[in-house]
Amino acid sequence: MVNRKIRAKEVRLISETGEQLGILSLDKAIEMAEERGLDLVEVAPAATPPVCKIMDYGKYKYQQHKRAQESKKHQKVIHIKEIKLRPKTEEHDFQFKKEHVRKFLLDGNKVKVTVVFRGREMTHFEIGEELLNRMAKEVEGEGLIEQPPKKEGRNMTLLLVAKNHGQRKEKPKKEGLEDAKGQN
């Protein structure tokens, strides 16, 4: 709250230099702030009486905004990536998706592995659970299980989290890629 928007009858006033000016009526406090060309800002509304400070409100808002931006800059954002499988996923496709899971984990992201069941596949949830457990076992060097396989309607999901928690590692080099290109 600022100036006339403050609802208290009396306020504990602090000057722009941080000096305690005592408990004054709201009108007297606003008058003192206006004499100095500044605003009366309520900094502790829960106190009895509320604490108000004489300051430049625009500058105060700007500094708050800058502090919020600075704290946001130092936060690590973790995204959840999703990989979908089917109970009849072939071996090559499984290996391909496993490499994607590894890459996501190395980048510090969480990975949600989902097995989607359709039609008669619903009677064989154990196949999906085996697939998810196999995926978790094959990427255990890069990630840990945050949430074990869980059935959710027509899906079964597994949540993996990076072991290194965002510290990026060197990506493993794929061997034999040049040999395969040269044989075509």
N, C-alpha and C. Protein backbone atom coordinates (compact mmCIF):
# COMPACT_ATOMS: atom_id res chain seq x y z
N MET A 1 0.83 -1.18 0.00
CA MET A 1 0.00 0.00 0.00
C MET A 1 0.88 1.25 0.00
N VAL A 2 0.39 2.27 -0.66
CA VAL A 2 1.14 3.50 -0.80
C VAL A 2 0.26 4.70 -0.48
N ASN A 3 0.84 5.69 0.18
CA ASN A 3 0.19 6.97 0.48
C ASN A 3 -1.25 6.83 1.00
N ARG A 4 -2.24 7.35 0.28
CA ARG A 4 -3.63 7.39 0.75
C ARG A 4 -4.32 6.02 0.73
N LYS A 5 -3.68 5.02 0.15
CA LYS A 5 -4.27 3.68 0.12
C LYS A 5 -4.05 2.94 1.45
N ILE A 6 -3.19 3.46 2.30
CA ILE A 6 -2.93 2.85 3.60
C ILE A 6 -4.16 3.08 4.47
N ARG A 7 -4.66 2.05 5.14
CA ARG A 7 -5.91 2.11 5.89
C ARG A 7 -5.75 2.35 7.39
N ALA A 8 -4.54 2.25 7.92
CA ALA A 8 -4.33 2.41 9.36
C ALA A 8 -4.47 3.87 9.78
N LYS A 9 -4.86 4.09 11.04
CA LYS A 9 -4.99 5.45 11.57
C LYS A 9 -3.63 5.96 12.03
N GLU A 10 -2.83 5.05 12.61
CA GLU A 10 -1.49 5.40 13.07
C GLU A 10 -0.49 4.46 12.44
N VAL A 11 0.72 4.97 12.22
CA VAL A 11 1.78 4.15 11.63
C VAL A 11 3.09 4.39 12.36
N ARG A 12 3.96 3.37 12.35
CA ARG A 12 5.32 3.53 12.87
C ARG A 12 6.13 3.99 11.66
N LEU A 13 6.72 5.17 11.74
CA LEU A 13 7.37 5.78 10.59
C LEU A 13 8.88 5.64 10.64
N ILE A 14 9.44 5.30 9.47
CA ILE A 14 10.89 5.19 9.29
C ILE A 14 11.27 6.16 8.17
N SER A 15 12.30 6.95 8.37
CA SER A 15 12.71 7.93 7.35
C SER A 15 13.43 7.22 6.21
N GLU A 16 13.72 7.98 5.15
CA GLU A 16 14.42 7.41 3.98
C GLU A 16 15.84 6.97 4.32
N THR A 17 16.40 7.50 5.42
CA THR A 17 17.76 7.11 5.84
C THR A 17 17.74 5.91 6.79
N GLY A 18 16.53 5.44 7.18
CA GLY A 18 16.41 4.30 8.08
C GLY A 18 16.24 4.68 9.53
N GLU A 19 16.09 5.97 9.82
CA GLU A 19 15.95 6.47 11.19
C GLU A 19 14.50 6.31 11.65
N GLN A 20 14.30 5.83 12.89
CA GLN A 20 12.96 5.68 13.48
C GLN A 20 12.41 7.07 13.84
N LEU A 21 11.26 7.41 13.29
CA LEU A 21 10.64 8.70 13.60
C LEU A 21 9.51 8.57 14.61
N GLY A 22 9.16 7.32 15.00
CA GLY A 22 8.14 7.09 16.01
C GLY A 22 6.78 6.79 15.43
N ILE A 23 5.77 6.76 16.31
CA ILE A 23 4.40 6.47 15.90
C ILE A 23 3.68 7.79 15.65
N LEU A 24 3.16 7.93 14.43
CA LEU A 24 2.49 9.17 14.02
C LEU A 24 1.14 8.85 13.39
N SER A 25 0.29 9.87 13.27
CA SER A 25 -0.98 9.67 12.56
C SER A 25 -0.66 9.53 11.07
N LEU A 26 -1.56 8.88 10.35
CA LEU A 26 -1.35 8.65 8.92
C LEU A 26 -1.22 9.98 8.17
N ASP A 27 -2.06 10.95 8.48
CA ASP A 27 -2.02 12.24 7.79
C ASP A 27 -0.67 12.94 7.98
N LYS A 28 -0.16 12.90 9.22
CA LYS A 28 1.13 13.55 9.52
C LYS A 28 2.26 12.84 8.77
N ALA A 29 2.20 11.50 8.70
CA ALA A 29 3.24 10.73 8.01
C ALA A 29 3.23 11.03 6.51
N ILE A 30 2.03 11.10 5.91
CA ILE A 30 1.92 11.41 4.48
C ILE A 30 2.43 12.82 4.21
N GLU A 31 2.09 13.75 5.10
CA GLU A 31 2.54 15.14 4.97
C GLU A 31 4.07 15.22 4.99
N MET A 32 4.72 14.47 5.91
CA MET A 32 6.19 14.46 5.99
C MET A 32 6.81 13.90 4.70
N ALA A 33 6.18 12.85 4.15
CA ALA A 33 6.69 12.24 2.92
C ALA A 33 6.57 13.21 1.75
N GLU A 34 5.43 13.90 1.66
CA GLU A 34 5.20 14.85 0.56
C GLU A 34 6.14 16.04 0.64
N GLU A 35 6.48 16.47 1.87
CA GLU A 35 7.43 17.58 2.04
C GLU A 35 8.78 17.22 1.44
N ARG A 36 9.13 15.97 1.53
CA ARG A 36 10.43 15.50 1.02
C ARG A 36 10.35 15.07 -0.45
N GLY A 37 9.15 15.12 -1.04
CA GLY A 37 8.98 14.74 -2.44
C GLY A 37 9.02 13.23 -2.64
N LEU A 38 8.70 12.47 -1.60
CA LEU A 38 8.74 11.01 -1.66
C LEU A 38 7.37 10.42 -1.33
N ASP A 39 7.28 9.10 -1.30
CA ASP A 39 6.03 8.40 -1.01
C ASP A 39 6.11 7.74 0.36
N LEU A 40 4.94 7.47 0.94
CA LEU A 40 4.84 6.72 2.18
C LEU A 40 4.45 5.29 1.78
N VAL A 41 5.32 4.33 2.06
CA VAL A 41 5.11 2.95 1.63
C VAL A 41 4.98 2.05 2.86
N GLU A 42 3.93 1.25 2.88
CA GLU A 42 3.70 0.31 3.98
C GLU A 42 4.59 -0.92 3.75
N VAL A 43 5.57 -1.13 4.63
CA VAL A 43 6.52 -2.23 4.46
C VAL A 43 6.21 -3.43 5.35
N ALA A 44 5.50 -3.22 6.46
CA ALA A 44 5.12 -4.32 7.35
C ALA A 44 3.67 -4.12 7.79
N PRO A 45 2.71 -4.52 6.95
CA PRO A 45 1.30 -4.28 7.27
C PRO A 45 0.79 -5.11 8.44
N ALA A 46 1.43 -6.23 8.77
CA ALA A 46 0.95 -7.10 9.83
C ALA A 46 1.31 -6.58 11.23
N ALA A 47 2.29 -5.69 11.32
CA ALA A 47 2.72 -5.17 12.62
C ALA A 47 1.64 -4.26 13.21
N THR A 48 1.71 -4.07 14.53
CA THR A 48 0.76 -3.18 15.20
C THR A 48 1.54 -2.07 15.87
N PRO A 49 1.44 -0.82 15.50
CA PRO A 49 0.81 -0.34 14.27
C PRO A 49 1.67 -0.69 13.04
N PRO A 50 1.10 -0.64 11.82
CA PRO A 50 1.85 -0.98 10.62
C PRO A 50 3.09 -0.11 10.45
N VAL A 51 4.16 -0.71 9.92
CA VAL A 51 5.41 0.02 9.71
C VAL A 51 5.39 0.61 8.30
N CYS A 52 5.66 1.90 8.22
CA CYS A 52 5.71 2.59 6.93
C CYS A 52 7.06 3.28 6.79
N LYS A 53 7.53 3.38 5.55
CA LYS A 53 8.82 3.99 5.30
C LYS A 53 8.66 5.07 4.24
N ILE A 54 9.38 6.15 4.41
CA ILE A 54 9.38 7.23 3.42
C ILE A 54 10.43 6.85 2.37
N MET A 55 9.98 6.71 1.11
CA MET A 55 10.89 6.33 0.02
C MET A 55 10.29 6.68 -1.32
N ASP A 56 11.10 6.55 -2.36
CA ASP A 56 10.64 6.74 -3.73
C ASP A 56 10.02 5.42 -4.17
N TYR A 57 8.69 5.37 -4.30
CA TYR A 57 7.99 4.12 -4.57
C TYR A 57 8.38 3.53 -5.93
N GLY A 58 8.53 4.37 -6.94
CA GLY A 58 8.93 3.88 -8.27
C GLY A 58 10.27 3.17 -8.22
N LYS A 59 11.22 3.77 -7.52
CA LYS A 59 12.56 3.19 -7.38
C LYS A 59 12.48 1.87 -6.60
N TYR A 60 11.64 1.83 -5.56
CA TYR A 60 11.45 0.64 -4.74
C TYR A 60 10.91 -0.52 -5.58
N LYS A 61 9.89 -0.25 -6.41
CA LYS A 61 9.30 -1.26 -7.27
C LYS A 61 10.33 -1.77 -8.29
N TYR A 62 11.13 -0.85 -8.82
CA TYR A 62 12.15 -1.21 -9.79
C TYR A 62 13.19 -2.14 -9.16
N GLN A 63 13.62 -1.83 -7.93
CA GLN A 63 14.60 -2.67 -7.25
C GLN A 63 14.03 -4.05 -6.93
N GLN A 64 12.76 -4.10 -6.54
CA GLN A 64 12.12 -5.39 -6.28
C GLN A 64 12.09 -6.24 -7.56
N HIS A 65 11.75 -5.60 -8.67
CA HIS A 65 11.69 -6.29 -9.96
C HIS A 65 13.07 -6.82 -10.34
N LYS A 66 14.10 -6.01 -10.15
CA LYS A 66 15.48 -6.43 -10.47
C LYS A 66 15.90 -7.62 -9.60
N ARG A 67 15.57 -7.56 -8.30
CA ARG A 67 15.91 -8.67 -7.40
C ARG A 67 15.22 -9.96 -7.82
N ALA A 68 13.96 -9.84 -8.23
CA ALA A 68 13.20 -11.02 -8.68
C ALA A 68 13.82 -11.61 -9.94
N GLN A 69 14.24 -10.75 -10.87
CA GLN A 69 14.88 -11.22 -12.09
C GLN A 69 16.20 -11.91 -11.78
N GLU A 70 16.97 -11.34 -10.87
CA GLU A 70 18.27 -11.90 -10.51
C GLU A 70 18.11 -13.28 -9.87
N SER A 71 17.13 -13.43 -9.00
CA SER A 71 16.93 -14.74 -8.37
C SER A 71 16.41 -15.76 -9.38
N LYS A 72 15.62 -15.31 -10.35
CA LYS A 72 15.11 -16.20 -11.38
C LYS A 72 16.24 -16.68 -12.29
N LYS A 73 17.23 -15.83 -12.50
CA LYS A 73 18.36 -16.15 -13.38
C LYS A 73 19.17 -17.33 -12.84
N HIS A 74 19.24 -17.46 -11.52
CA HIS A 74 20.08 -18.50 -10.92
C HIS A 74 19.33 -19.81 -10.68
N GLN A 75 18.07 -19.89 -11.10
CA GLN A 75 17.31 -21.12 -10.92
C GLN A 75 17.59 -22.08 -12.07
N LYS A 76 17.64 -23.38 -11.76
CA LYS A 76 17.83 -24.41 -12.77
C LYS A 76 16.46 -24.96 -13.12
N VAL A 77 16.04 -24.83 -14.36
CA VAL A 77 14.75 -25.31 -14.81
C VAL A 77 14.91 -26.74 -15.29
N ILE A 78 14.12 -27.63 -14.73
CA ILE A 78 14.16 -29.03 -15.13
C ILE A 78 12.88 -29.33 -15.89
N HIS A 79 13.04 -29.79 -17.12
CA HIS A 79 11.90 -30.13 -17.95
C HIS A 79 11.64 -31.62 -17.86
N ILE A 80 10.38 -32.00 -18.04
CA ILE A 80 10.04 -33.42 -18.09
C ILE A 80 9.84 -33.79 -19.55
N LYS A 81 10.67 -34.68 -20.04
CA LYS A 81 10.56 -35.17 -21.41
C LYS A 81 9.80 -36.49 -21.36
N GLU A 82 9.03 -36.77 -22.41
CA GLU A 82 8.25 -38.01 -22.41
C GLU A 82 8.61 -38.85 -23.62
N ILE A 83 8.77 -40.14 -23.38
CA ILE A 83 9.02 -41.13 -24.42
C ILE A 83 7.88 -42.14 -24.34
N LYS A 84 7.26 -42.43 -25.47
CA LYS A 84 6.14 -43.38 -25.48
C LYS A 84 6.54 -44.67 -26.17
N LEU A 85 6.13 -45.76 -25.56
CA LEU A 85 6.36 -47.10 -26.09
C LEU A 85 5.02 -47.81 -26.22
N ARG A 86 5.02 -48.92 -26.93
CA ARG A 86 3.85 -49.80 -27.01
C ARG A 86 4.30 -51.18 -26.54
N PRO A 87 3.38 -52.03 -26.11
CA PRO A 87 3.78 -53.37 -25.67
C PRO A 87 4.46 -54.17 -26.78
N LYS A 88 4.15 -53.87 -28.03
CA LYS A 88 4.73 -54.61 -29.16
C LYS A 88 5.90 -53.87 -29.80
N THR A 89 6.53 -52.95 -29.06
CA THR A 89 7.67 -52.20 -29.59
C THR A 89 8.81 -53.16 -29.91
N GLU A 90 9.32 -53.07 -31.13
CA GLU A 90 10.42 -53.96 -31.57
C GLU A 90 11.73 -53.56 -30.91
N GLU A 91 12.70 -54.45 -30.97
CA GLU A 91 13.99 -54.25 -30.30
C GLU A 91 14.72 -53.01 -30.79
N HIS A 92 14.79 -52.81 -32.10
CA HIS A 92 15.52 -51.66 -32.64
C HIS A 92 14.88 -50.35 -32.18
N ASP A 93 13.54 -50.31 -32.20
CA ASP A 93 12.83 -49.11 -31.75
C ASP A 93 13.06 -48.86 -30.26
N PHE A 94 13.09 -49.93 -29.48
CA PHE A 94 13.37 -49.81 -28.05
C PHE A 94 14.76 -49.22 -27.83
N GLN A 95 15.75 -49.73 -28.56
CA GLN A 95 17.13 -49.23 -28.43
C GLN A 95 17.21 -47.76 -28.84
N PHE A 96 16.51 -47.39 -29.90
CA PHE A 96 16.50 -46.02 -30.39
C PHE A 96 15.91 -45.08 -29.33
N LYS A 97 14.81 -45.49 -28.74
CA LYS A 97 14.16 -44.67 -27.71
C LYS A 97 14.99 -44.64 -26.43
N LYS A 98 15.70 -45.73 -26.14
CA LYS A 98 16.58 -45.78 -24.97
C LYS A 98 17.68 -44.74 -25.10
N GLU A 99 18.22 -44.56 -26.31
CA GLU A 99 19.26 -43.54 -26.54
C GLU A 99 18.71 -42.14 -26.32
N HIS A 100 17.45 -41.91 -26.70
CA HIS A 100 16.82 -40.62 -26.45
C HIS A 100 16.68 -40.38 -24.94
N VAL A 101 16.28 -41.42 -24.22
CA VAL A 101 16.15 -41.30 -22.76
C VAL A 101 17.50 -40.95 -22.15
N ARG A 102 18.56 -41.64 -22.59
CA ARG A 102 19.92 -41.36 -22.10
C ARG A 102 20.30 -39.91 -22.35
N LYS A 103 20.04 -39.43 -23.57
CA LYS A 103 20.39 -38.06 -23.93
C LYS A 103 19.65 -37.06 -23.03
N PHE A 104 18.35 -37.29 -22.81
CA PHE A 104 17.57 -36.39 -21.96
C PHE A 104 18.12 -36.39 -20.53
N LEU A 105 18.47 -37.57 -20.02
CA LEU A 105 19.01 -37.66 -18.66
C LEU A 105 20.37 -36.97 -18.56
N LEU A 106 21.21 -37.12 -19.58
CA LEU A 106 22.52 -36.46 -19.58
C LEU A 106 22.38 -34.94 -19.62
N ASP A 107 21.29 -34.46 -20.23
CA ASP A 107 21.04 -33.02 -20.28
C ASP A 107 20.44 -32.50 -18.97
N GLY A 108 20.19 -33.40 -18.02
CA GLY A 108 19.68 -32.99 -16.71
C GLY A 108 18.17 -32.93 -16.61
N ASN A 109 17.46 -33.48 -17.58
CA ASN A 109 16.00 -33.47 -17.56
C ASN A 109 15.45 -34.72 -16.89
N LYS A 110 14.20 -34.61 -16.45
CA LYS A 110 13.48 -35.80 -15.99
C LYS A 110 12.85 -36.44 -17.22
N VAL A 111 12.67 -37.75 -17.18
CA VAL A 111 12.08 -38.45 -18.32
C VAL A 111 10.91 -39.30 -17.84
N LYS A 112 9.79 -39.13 -18.50
CA LYS A 112 8.60 -39.93 -18.23
C LYS A 112 8.48 -40.93 -19.37
N VAL A 113 8.64 -42.21 -19.04
CA VAL A 113 8.53 -43.27 -20.05
C VAL A 113 7.13 -43.85 -19.91
N THR A 114 6.37 -43.83 -21.01
CA THR A 114 4.98 -44.26 -20.99
C THR A 114 4.78 -45.42 -21.94
N VAL A 115 4.11 -46.46 -21.47
CA VAL A 115 3.69 -47.56 -22.35
C VAL A 115 2.19 -47.39 -22.55
N VAL A 116 1.79 -47.26 -23.82
CA VAL A 116 0.40 -47.03 -24.17
C VAL A 116 -0.23 -48.36 -24.59
N PHE A 117 -1.34 -48.72 -23.96
CA PHE A 117 -2.05 -49.96 -24.27
C PHE A 117 -3.30 -49.64 -25.05
N ARG A 118 -3.59 -50.48 -26.06
CA ARG A 118 -4.82 -50.30 -26.86
C ARG A 118 -5.52 -51.64 -26.99
N GLY A 119 -6.83 -51.59 -26.96
CA GLY A 119 -7.64 -52.79 -27.20
C GLY A 119 -7.31 -53.95 -26.28
N ARG A 120 -7.01 -55.10 -26.89
CA ARG A 120 -6.75 -56.32 -26.13
C ARG A 120 -5.43 -56.30 -25.38
N GLU A 121 -4.58 -55.34 -25.71
CA GLU A 121 -3.30 -55.22 -25.00
C GLU A 121 -3.53 -54.91 -23.52
N MET A 122 -4.72 -54.37 -23.19
CA MET A 122 -5.03 -54.00 -21.81
C MET A 122 -4.95 -55.19 -20.86
N THR A 123 -5.13 -56.39 -21.38
CA THR A 123 -5.10 -57.57 -20.51
C THR A 123 -3.68 -57.98 -20.15
N HIS A 124 -2.68 -57.37 -20.79
CA HIS A 124 -1.28 -57.77 -20.55
C HIS A 124 -0.44 -56.61 -20.03
N PHE A 125 -0.82 -56.07 -18.88
CA PHE A 125 -0.05 -54.97 -18.28
C PHE A 125 1.35 -55.42 -17.86
N GLU A 126 1.51 -56.73 -17.63
CA GLU A 126 2.83 -57.22 -17.21
C GLU A 126 3.89 -57.00 -18.31
N ILE A 127 3.47 -57.01 -19.57
CA ILE A 127 4.42 -56.76 -20.67
C ILE A 127 4.93 -55.32 -20.58
N GLY A 128 4.03 -54.39 -20.32
CA GLY A 128 4.42 -52.99 -20.18
C GLY A 128 5.33 -52.78 -18.99
N GLU A 129 5.02 -53.46 -17.89
CA GLU A 129 5.85 -53.33 -16.69
C GLU A 129 7.25 -53.88 -16.94
N GLU A 130 7.35 -54.98 -17.68
CA GLU A 130 8.66 -55.53 -18.04
C GLU A 130 9.45 -54.55 -18.90
N LEU A 131 8.77 -53.92 -19.87
CA LEU A 131 9.43 -52.92 -20.73
C LEU A 131 9.98 -51.76 -19.90
N LEU A 132 9.17 -51.25 -18.98
CA LEU A 132 9.60 -50.11 -18.17
C LEU A 132 10.75 -50.49 -17.24
N ASN A 133 10.66 -51.67 -16.63
CA ASN A 133 11.76 -52.12 -15.76
C ASN A 133 13.04 -52.33 -16.55
N ARG A 134 12.90 -52.84 -17.77
CA ARG A 134 14.08 -53.02 -18.63
C ARG A 134 14.70 -51.67 -18.99
N MET A 135 13.86 -50.70 -19.31
CA MET A 135 14.35 -49.35 -19.65
C MET A 135 15.10 -48.77 -18.46
N ALA A 136 14.52 -48.90 -17.28
CA ALA A 136 15.16 -48.35 -16.07
C ALA A 136 16.50 -49.03 -15.82
N LYS A 137 16.56 -50.34 -16.04
CA LYS A 137 17.80 -51.09 -15.81
C LYS A 137 18.88 -50.69 -16.81
N GLU A 138 18.48 -50.46 -18.06
CA GLU A 138 19.46 -50.16 -19.11
C GLU A 138 20.00 -48.73 -19.03
N VAL A 139 19.29 -47.82 -18.38
CA VAL A 139 19.78 -46.44 -18.25
C VAL A 139 20.16 -46.11 -16.82
N GLU A 140 20.36 -47.14 -15.97
CA GLU A 140 20.65 -46.87 -14.57
C GLU A 140 21.98 -46.16 -14.36
N GLY A 141 22.87 -46.16 -15.34
CA GLY A 141 24.12 -45.42 -15.24
C GLY A 141 23.90 -43.91 -15.31
N GLU A 142 22.86 -43.48 -16.02
CA GLU A 142 22.57 -42.06 -16.19
C GLU A 142 21.45 -41.57 -15.29
N GLY A 143 20.52 -42.45 -14.93
CA GLY A 143 19.36 -41.98 -14.18
C GLY A 143 18.92 -42.92 -13.08
N LEU A 144 18.08 -42.38 -12.22
CA LEU A 144 17.51 -43.12 -11.10
C LEU A 144 15.99 -43.12 -11.24
N ILE A 145 15.35 -44.13 -10.66
CA ILE A 145 13.89 -44.19 -10.69
C ILE A 145 13.34 -43.25 -9.63
N GLU A 146 12.57 -42.25 -10.07
CA GLU A 146 11.92 -41.35 -9.12
C GLU A 146 10.55 -41.89 -8.75
N GLN A 147 9.86 -42.49 -9.75
CA GLN A 147 8.56 -43.08 -9.51
C GLN A 147 8.51 -44.41 -10.25
N PRO A 148 8.33 -45.53 -9.55
CA PRO A 148 8.31 -46.84 -10.21
C PRO A 148 7.12 -46.96 -11.16
N PRO A 149 7.11 -48.00 -12.00
CA PRO A 149 6.00 -48.17 -12.95
C PRO A 149 4.64 -48.13 -12.25
N LYS A 150 3.75 -47.31 -12.82
CA LYS A 150 2.43 -47.12 -12.22
C LYS A 150 1.39 -47.12 -13.33
N LYS A 151 0.29 -47.81 -13.10
CA LYS A 151 -0.78 -47.91 -14.08
C LYS A 151 -1.69 -46.69 -13.95
N GLU A 152 -1.96 -46.01 -15.08
CA GLU A 152 -2.85 -44.85 -15.12
C GLU A 152 -3.80 -45.02 -16.29
N GLY A 153 -4.94 -45.63 -16.06
CA GLY A 153 -5.90 -45.85 -17.14
C GLY A 153 -5.36 -46.81 -18.18
N ARG A 154 -5.22 -46.34 -19.43
CA ARG A 154 -4.70 -47.17 -20.52
C ARG A 154 -3.18 -47.06 -20.65
N ASN A 155 -2.55 -46.37 -19.74
CA ASN A 155 -1.10 -46.17 -19.79
C ASN A 155 -0.42 -46.72 -18.55
N MET A 156 0.86 -46.98 -18.68
CA MET A 156 1.70 -47.32 -17.53
C MET A 156 2.92 -46.42 -17.64
N THR A 157 3.26 -45.72 -16.56
CA THR A 157 4.35 -44.74 -16.62
C THR A 157 5.45 -45.04 -15.62
N LEU A 158 6.64 -44.56 -15.95
CA LEU A 158 7.83 -44.65 -15.12
C LEU A 158 8.49 -43.29 -15.19
N LEU A 159 8.90 -42.74 -14.05
CA LEU A 159 9.56 -41.44 -14.04
C LEU A 159 11.01 -41.61 -13.63
N LEU A 160 11.92 -41.14 -14.49
CA LEU A 160 13.36 -41.22 -14.23
C LEU A 160 13.91 -39.83 -14.02
N VAL A 161 14.92 -39.72 -13.15
CA VAL A 161 15.57 -38.44 -12.90
C VAL A 161 17.07 -38.64 -13.10
N ALA A 162 17.74 -37.59 -13.58
CA ALA A 162 19.18 -37.68 -13.86
C ALA A 162 19.96 -37.91 -12.57
N LYS A 163 20.95 -38.78 -12.63
CA LYS A 163 21.80 -39.06 -11.47
C LYS A 163 22.63 -37.85 -11.09
N ASN A 164 23.11 -37.14 -12.13
CA ASN A 164 24.03 -36.02 -11.89
C ASN A 164 23.30 -34.72 -11.58
N HIS A 165 21.97 -34.72 -11.60
CA HIS A 165 21.15 -33.54 -11.27
C HIS A 165 21.59 -32.28 -12.02
N GLY A 166 21.66 -32.38 -13.34
CA GLY A 166 21.90 -31.20 -14.15
C GLY A 166 23.35 -30.92 -14.51
N GLN A 167 24.30 -31.66 -13.94
CA GLN A 167 25.70 -31.45 -14.32
C GLN A 167 25.92 -32.19 -15.63
N ARG A 168 26.13 -31.46 -16.67
CA ARG A 168 26.22 -32.05 -17.99
C ARG A 168 27.50 -32.86 -18.16
N LYS A 169 27.35 -34.08 -18.66
CA LYS A 169 28.50 -34.95 -18.91
C LYS A 169 28.79 -34.96 -20.40
N GLU A 170 29.96 -35.47 -20.74
CA GLU A 170 30.30 -35.64 -22.15
C GLU A 170 29.41 -36.71 -22.75
N LYS A 171 28.91 -36.47 -23.94
CA LYS A 171 28.07 -37.47 -24.59
C LYS A 171 28.94 -38.61 -25.10
N PRO A 172 28.46 -39.86 -24.96
CA PRO A 172 29.25 -40.96 -25.47
C PRO A 172 29.31 -40.91 -26.99
N LYS A 173 30.50 -41.11 -27.54
CA LYS A 173 30.67 -41.06 -28.99
C LYS A 173 30.17 -42.37 -29.59
N LYS A 174 29.47 -42.26 -30.71
CA LYS A 174 28.97 -43.46 -31.38
C LYS A 174 30.09 -44.01 -32.25
N GLU A 175 30.46 -45.24 -31.95
CA GLU A 175 31.54 -45.89 -32.70
C GLU A 175 30.96 -46.57 -33.93
N GLY A 176 31.75 -46.64 -34.95
CA GLY A 176 31.35 -47.35 -36.15
C GLY A 176 30.47 -46.53 -37.07
N LEU A 177 30.21 -45.29 -36.77
CA LEU A 177 29.36 -44.46 -37.61
C LEU A 177 30.06 -44.16 -38.93
N GLU A 178 31.36 -43.87 -38.87
CA GLU A 178 32.11 -43.58 -40.08
C GLU A 178 32.24 -44.82 -40.95
N ASP A 179 32.40 -45.99 -40.32
CA ASP A 179 32.52 -47.25 -41.07
C ASP A 179 31.24 -47.54 -41.83
N ALA A 180 30.10 -47.29 -41.21
CA ALA A 180 28.81 -47.54 -41.84
C ALA A 180 28.61 -46.61 -43.03
N LYS A 181 29.08 -45.37 -42.93
CA LYS A 181 28.93 -44.43 -44.05
C LYS A 181 29.80 -44.85 -45.22
N GLY A 182 30.98 -45.31 -44.92
CA GLY A 182 31.92 -45.68 -45.99
C GLY A 182 31.55 -46.94 -46.72
N GLN A 183 30.70 -47.79 -46.16
CA GLN A 183 30.35 -49.07 -46.79
C GLN A 183 29.20 -48.94 -47.77
N ASN A 184 28.50 -47.82 -47.83
CA ASN A 184 27.34 -47.69 -48.72
C ASN A 184 27.71 -47.71 -50.15
